[in-house]
């Protein structure tokens, strides 16, 4: 069955602090994936904390990250903060 990935990006701002976030995969929004899971690849500031749907994501010293996420049949929404 087809699974649809809907990417919802929420950029949080705390006074003068702004997150710089780039998602390089998946590039399209929405995207159809026929799999039990997918992943996000991107970069942010090395000092930023990052979560996907409330799950902490490891940000490497150069700011790069990759995170596998499970999918369910139908639409899947992800909040990246």
C-alpha atoms as a PDB file:
ATOM      1  CA  UNK A   1       0.000   0.000   0.000  1.00  0.00           C
ATOM      2  CA  UNK A   2       1.096   3.549  -0.571  1.00  0.00           C
ATOM      3  CA  UNK A   3       2.130   5.707   2.311  1.00  0.00           C
ATOM      4  CA  UNK A   4       2.146   9.472   1.999  1.00  0.00           C
ATOM      5  CA  UNK A   5       4.707  11.520   3.861  1.00  0.00           C
ATOM      6  CA  UNK A   6       3.568  15.003   4.767  1.00  0.00           C
ATOM      7  CA  UNK A   7       6.396  17.118   6.096  1.00  0.00           C
ATOM      8  CA  UNK A   8       5.480  19.858   8.504  1.00  0.00           C
ATOM      9  CA  UNK A   9       8.363  22.073   9.508  1.00  0.00           C
ATOM     10  CA  UNK A  10       7.990  24.281  12.529  1.00  0.00           C
ATOM     11  CA  UNK A  11      10.746  26.756  13.157  1.00  0.00           C
ATOM     12  CA  UNK A  12      10.884  27.793  16.780  1.00  0.00           C
ATOM     13  CA  UNK A  13      12.229  31.209  17.708  1.00  0.00           C
ATOM     14  CA  UNK A  14      13.292  32.280  21.172  1.00  0.00           C
ATOM     15  CA  UNK A  15      13.957  36.041  21.074  1.00  0.00           C
ATOM     16  CA  UNK A  16      17.114  36.435  18.961  1.00  0.00           C
ATOM     17  CA  UNK A  17      17.734  32.688  18.527  1.00  0.00           C
ATOM     18  CA  UNK A  18      16.768  31.365  15.097  1.00  0.00           C
ATOM     19  CA  UNK A  19      17.320  27.818  13.873  1.00  0.00           C
ATOM     20  CA  UNK A  20      18.813  27.256  10.439  1.00  0.00           C
ATOM     21  CA  UNK A  21      17.406  23.984   9.141  1.00  0.00           C
ATOM     22  CA  UNK A  22      17.849  22.377   5.739  1.00  0.00           C
ATOM     23  CA  UNK A  23      16.172  19.099   4.777  1.00  0.00           C
ATOM     24  CA  UNK A  24      17.945  17.448   1.824  1.00  0.00           C
ATOM     25  CA  UNK A  25      15.886  14.233   1.869  1.00  0.00           C
ATOM     26  CA  UNK A  26      13.017  13.881   1.241  1.00  0.00           C
ATOM     27  CA  UNK A  27      13.119  16.859  -1.107  1.00  0.00           C
ATOM     28  CA  UNK A  28       9.474  16.799  -2.264  1.00  0.00           C
ATOM     29  CA  UNK A  29       6.499  17.538  -0.047  1.00  0.00           C
ATOM     30  CA  UNK A  30       4.297  15.523  -0.147  1.00  0.00           C
ATOM     31  CA  UNK A  31       6.030  12.363  -1.288  1.00  0.00           C
ATOM     32  CA  UNK A  32       4.623   8.834  -1.721  1.00  0.00           C
ATOM     33  CA  UNK A  33       6.721   6.037  -0.224  1.00  0.00           C
ATOM     34  CA  UNK A  34       5.995   2.307  -0.339  1.00  0.00           C
ATOM     35  CA  UNK A  35       7.898   1.250   2.779  1.00  0.00           C
ATOM     36  CA  UNK A  36       7.520   0.602   6.497  1.00  0.00           C
ATOM     37  CA  UNK A  37       9.866   3.498   7.269  1.00  0.00           C
ATOM     38  CA  UNK A  38      11.761   6.389   5.750  1.00  0.00           C
ATOM     39  CA  UNK A  39      14.413   8.804   6.903  1.00  0.00           C
ATOM     40  CA  UNK A  40      15.266  12.478   7.015  1.00  0.00           C
ATOM     41  CA  UNK A  41      18.707  13.825   6.091  1.00  0.00           C
ATOM     42  CA  UNK A  42      19.705  17.429   6.567  1.00  0.00           C
ATOM     43  CA  UNK A  43      21.734  19.960   8.439  1.00  0.00           C
ATOM     44  CA  UNK A  44      21.322  22.621  11.092  1.00  0.00           C
ATOM     45  CA  UNK A  45      23.597  24.566  13.388  1.00  0.00           C
ATOM     46  CA  UNK A  46      25.840  22.153  15.330  1.00  0.00           C
ATOM     47  CA  UNK A  47      24.666  23.685  18.622  1.00  0.00           C
ATOM     48  CA  UNK A  48      20.944  23.301  17.827  1.00  0.00           C
ATOM     49  CA  UNK A  49      18.749  20.642  19.377  1.00  0.00           C
ATOM     50  CA  UNK A  50      16.410  18.900  16.953  1.00  0.00           C
ATOM     51  CA  UNK A  51      13.335  16.707  17.356  1.00  0.00           C
ATOM     52  CA  UNK A  52      11.104  14.876  14.899  1.00  0.00           C
ATOM     53  CA  UNK A  53       7.632  14.295  16.339  1.00  0.00           C
ATOM     54  CA  UNK A  54       9.077  14.733  19.833  1.00  0.00           C
ATOM     55  CA  UNK A  55      11.950  12.265  19.378  1.00  0.00           C
ATOM     56  CA  UNK A  56      15.438  13.715  19.873  1.00  0.00           C
ATOM     57  CA  UNK A  57      17.672  13.618  16.794  1.00  0.00           C
ATOM     58  CA  UNK A  58      21.470  13.459  17.075  1.00  0.00           C
ATOM     59  CA  UNK A  59      23.085  16.492  15.450  1.00  0.00           C
ATOM     60  CA  UNK A  60      26.739  15.848  14.561  1.00  0.00           C
ATOM     61  CA  UNK A  61      29.596  18.287  15.198  1.00  0.00           C
ATOM     62  CA  UNK A  62      29.314  19.587  11.608  1.00  0.00           C
ATOM     63  CA  UNK A  63      25.533  20.114  11.951  1.00  0.00           C
ATOM     64  CA  UNK A  64      24.534  17.109   9.826  1.00  0.00           C
ATOM     65  CA  UNK A  65      21.798  14.726  10.902  1.00  0.00           C
ATOM     66  CA  UNK A  66      19.956  11.654   9.664  1.00  0.00           C
ATOM     67  CA  UNK A  67      17.013  10.015  11.369  1.00  0.00           C
ATOM     68  CA  UNK A  68      14.905   6.978  10.471  1.00  0.00           C
ATOM     69  CA  UNK A  69      11.176   7.300  11.147  1.00  0.00           C
ATOM     70  CA  UNK A  70       8.413   4.682  11.014  1.00  0.00           C
ATOM     71  CA  UNK A  71       5.462   5.048   8.623  1.00  0.00           C
ATOM     72  CA  UNK A  72       1.865   3.911   8.894  1.00  0.00           C
ATOM     73  CA  UNK A  73      -0.493   3.325   5.995  1.00  0.00           C
ATOM     74  CA  UNK A  74      -2.030   6.576   4.753  1.00  0.00           C
ATOM     75  CA  UNK A  75      -0.838  10.079   5.522  1.00  0.00           C
ATOM     76  CA  UNK A  76       2.066  10.538   7.907  1.00  0.00           C
ATOM     77  CA  UNK A  77       2.743  13.969   9.406  1.00  0.00           C
ATOM     78  CA  UNK A  78       6.079  14.986  10.889  1.00  0.00           C
ATOM     79  CA  UNK A  79       6.823  17.974  13.081  1.00  0.00           C
ATOM     80  CA  UNK A  80      10.489  18.923  12.949  1.00  0.00           C
ATOM     81  CA  UNK A  81      11.584  21.370  15.634  1.00  0.00           C
END
